[in-house]
Amino acid sequence: MQEKKACAQSAGSIIGLGQSKRLAAMRQSIEGRNDKQESRPNKCGANKKDSEIQQARDSIRQSITKIKASYPQGMKNKLFALRYGSDEKINQMSLQKLFALLGIKEKLSKELAGLEFQENKEN
């Protein structure tokens, strides 16, 4: 008699990341926690331009978080860097270029379009 050996193969996920309601709910709850942590009260003396800059940077951060959430757990940063660029490169890009790169539909004023993202140099 010959013995047959069974081989186990990893087939990945049965359900795609975008099709699972449970995974989507988990992602939204994590994003909700991040939004609460990132929301900072505006200073009394903050003018309209500063609030627009902050809003643009927040929408970029949210878009980056959403994109990274769609990648596998151990490969988030590497896959994001391959497709969109490293964190240093993103910090040096203008807000307008980042909006185009990340596919954000909001419109920026001409004054804000040339400003750099500079996430690390913020408050």
Protein backbone atom coordinates (compact mmCIF):
# COMPACT_ATOMS: atom_id res chain seq x y z
CA MET A 1 0.00 0.00 0.00
CA GLN A 2 1.13 3.50 -0.78
CA GLU A 3 0.59 6.26 1.71
CA LYS A 4 -0.57 9.62 0.41
CA LYS A 5 0.77 12.71 2.12
CA ALA A 6 -1.56 15.64 2.65
CA CYS A 7 -0.22 19.11 2.00
CA ALA A 8 -1.75 22.20 3.51
CA GLN A 9 -1.58 25.31 1.42
CA SER A 10 -2.36 28.83 2.46
CA ALA A 11 -5.08 30.18 0.21
CA GLY A 12 -5.30 33.60 1.83
CA SER A 13 -8.56 35.20 2.79
CA ILE A 14 -11.79 33.78 1.44
CA ILE A 15 -13.49 37.17 1.59
CA GLY A 16 -11.88 40.26 0.08
CA LEU A 17 -11.04 43.15 2.39
CA GLY A 18 -13.62 45.42 0.81
CA GLN A 19 -16.44 42.87 0.97
CA SER A 20 -16.46 41.94 4.64
CA LYS A 21 -18.87 43.96 6.77
CA ARG A 22 -17.17 42.91 10.00
CA LEU A 23 -13.72 43.98 8.80
CA ALA A 24 -15.16 47.27 7.55
CA ALA A 25 -16.80 47.87 10.94
CA MET A 26 -13.52 47.13 12.73
CA ARG A 27 -11.66 49.54 10.42
CA GLN A 28 -14.22 52.27 11.02
CA SER A 29 -14.04 51.86 14.79
CA ILE A 30 -10.24 52.12 14.66
CA GLU A 31 -10.46 55.20 12.42
CA GLY A 32 -13.01 56.71 14.81
CA ARG A 33 -10.59 56.29 17.70
CA ASN A 34 -7.80 57.87 15.65
CA ASP A 35 -10.05 60.80 14.73
CA LYS A 36 -10.85 61.45 18.40
CA GLN A 37 -7.17 61.37 19.30
CA GLU A 38 -6.21 63.66 16.42
CA SER A 39 -8.94 66.22 16.95
CA ARG A 40 -7.45 69.18 18.72
CA PRO A 41 -9.37 72.19 19.93
CA ASN A 42 -8.70 75.31 17.87
CA LYS A 43 -6.99 78.17 19.64
CA CYS A 44 -9.01 81.33 20.15
CA GLY A 45 -6.62 83.39 18.02
CA ALA A 46 -6.51 80.92 15.12
CA ASN A 47 -7.60 82.56 11.91
CA LYS A 48 -9.44 81.09 8.94
CA LYS A 49 -6.27 80.28 6.98
CA ASP A 50 -4.78 78.26 9.85
CA SER A 51 -7.98 76.29 10.24
CA GLU A 52 -8.08 75.57 6.48
CA ILE A 53 -4.47 74.35 6.57
CA GLN A 54 -5.26 72.12 9.55
CA GLN A 55 -8.36 70.75 7.81
CA ALA A 56 -6.38 69.96 4.64
CA ARG A 57 -3.67 68.17 6.63
CA ASP A 58 -6.30 66.21 8.57
CA SER A 59 -7.97 65.04 5.37
CA ILE A 60 -4.57 63.91 4.03
CA ARG A 61 -3.87 62.00 7.26
CA GLN A 62 -7.30 60.35 7.11
CA SER A 63 -6.74 59.33 3.51
CA ILE A 64 -3.32 57.86 4.35
CA THR A 65 -4.84 55.94 7.29
CA LYS A 66 -7.63 54.59 5.09
CA ILE A 67 -5.18 53.47 2.40
CA LYS A 68 -2.88 51.79 4.92
CA ALA A 69 -5.85 50.01 6.51
CA SER A 70 -6.57 48.29 3.20
CA TYR A 71 -3.09 46.70 3.13
CA PRO A 72 -2.10 43.48 4.98
CA GLN A 73 -1.02 43.97 8.60
CA GLY A 74 2.73 43.40 8.28
CA MET A 75 3.16 45.16 4.95
CA LYS A 76 1.28 48.46 5.44
CA ASN A 77 4.23 50.86 5.51
CA LYS A 78 6.27 49.09 2.82
CA LEU A 79 3.40 48.82 0.34
CA PHE A 80 2.38 52.43 0.98
CA ALA A 81 5.97 53.62 0.46
CA LEU A 82 6.26 51.65 -2.79
CA ARG A 83 3.10 53.12 -4.25
CA TYR A 84 3.01 56.66 -2.84
CA GLY A 85 6.53 57.39 -1.55
CA SER A 86 8.32 57.45 1.78
CA ASP A 87 7.18 59.50 4.75
CA GLU A 88 10.01 61.99 4.20
CA LYS A 89 9.01 62.47 0.56
CA ILE A 90 5.35 62.96 1.52
CA ASN A 91 6.27 65.55 4.18
CA GLN A 92 8.12 67.56 1.54
CA MET A 93 5.31 67.46 -1.04
CA SER A 94 2.88 70.32 -1.46
CA LEU A 95 -0.70 69.96 -0.30
CA GLN A 96 -1.98 70.18 -3.89
CA LYS A 97 0.29 67.34 -5.08
CA LEU A 98 -0.76 65.17 -2.13
CA PHE A 99 -4.44 65.79 -2.85
CA ALA A 100 -3.88 64.67 -6.45
CA LEU A 101 -1.71 61.68 -5.46
CA LEU A 102 -4.13 60.39 -2.83
CA GLY A 103 -7.23 61.11 -4.91
CA ILE A 104 -8.83 63.59 -2.49
CA LYS A 105 -11.67 65.46 -4.21
CA GLU A 106 -11.66 68.61 -2.02
CA LYS A 107 -10.58 71.90 -3.59
CA LEU A 108 -7.73 73.94 -2.14
CA SER A 109 -7.36 77.69 -2.38
CA LYS A 110 -4.37 78.99 -4.33
CA GLU A 111 -2.71 80.16 -1.11
CA LEU A 112 -2.77 76.65 0.38
CA ALA A 113 -1.86 74.73 -2.79
CA GLY A 114 1.86 75.54 -2.55
CA LEU A 115 2.31 74.82 1.17
CA GLU A 116 4.25 71.72 2.20
CA PHE A 117 2.60 68.97 4.24
CA GLN A 118 5.31 68.88 6.99
CA GLU A 119 3.44 66.56 9.38
CA ASN A 120 6.36 66.22 11.82
CA LYS A 121 6.98 69.98 12.20
CA GLU A 122 3.42 70.69 13.31
CA ASN A 123 2.56 72.00 16.80
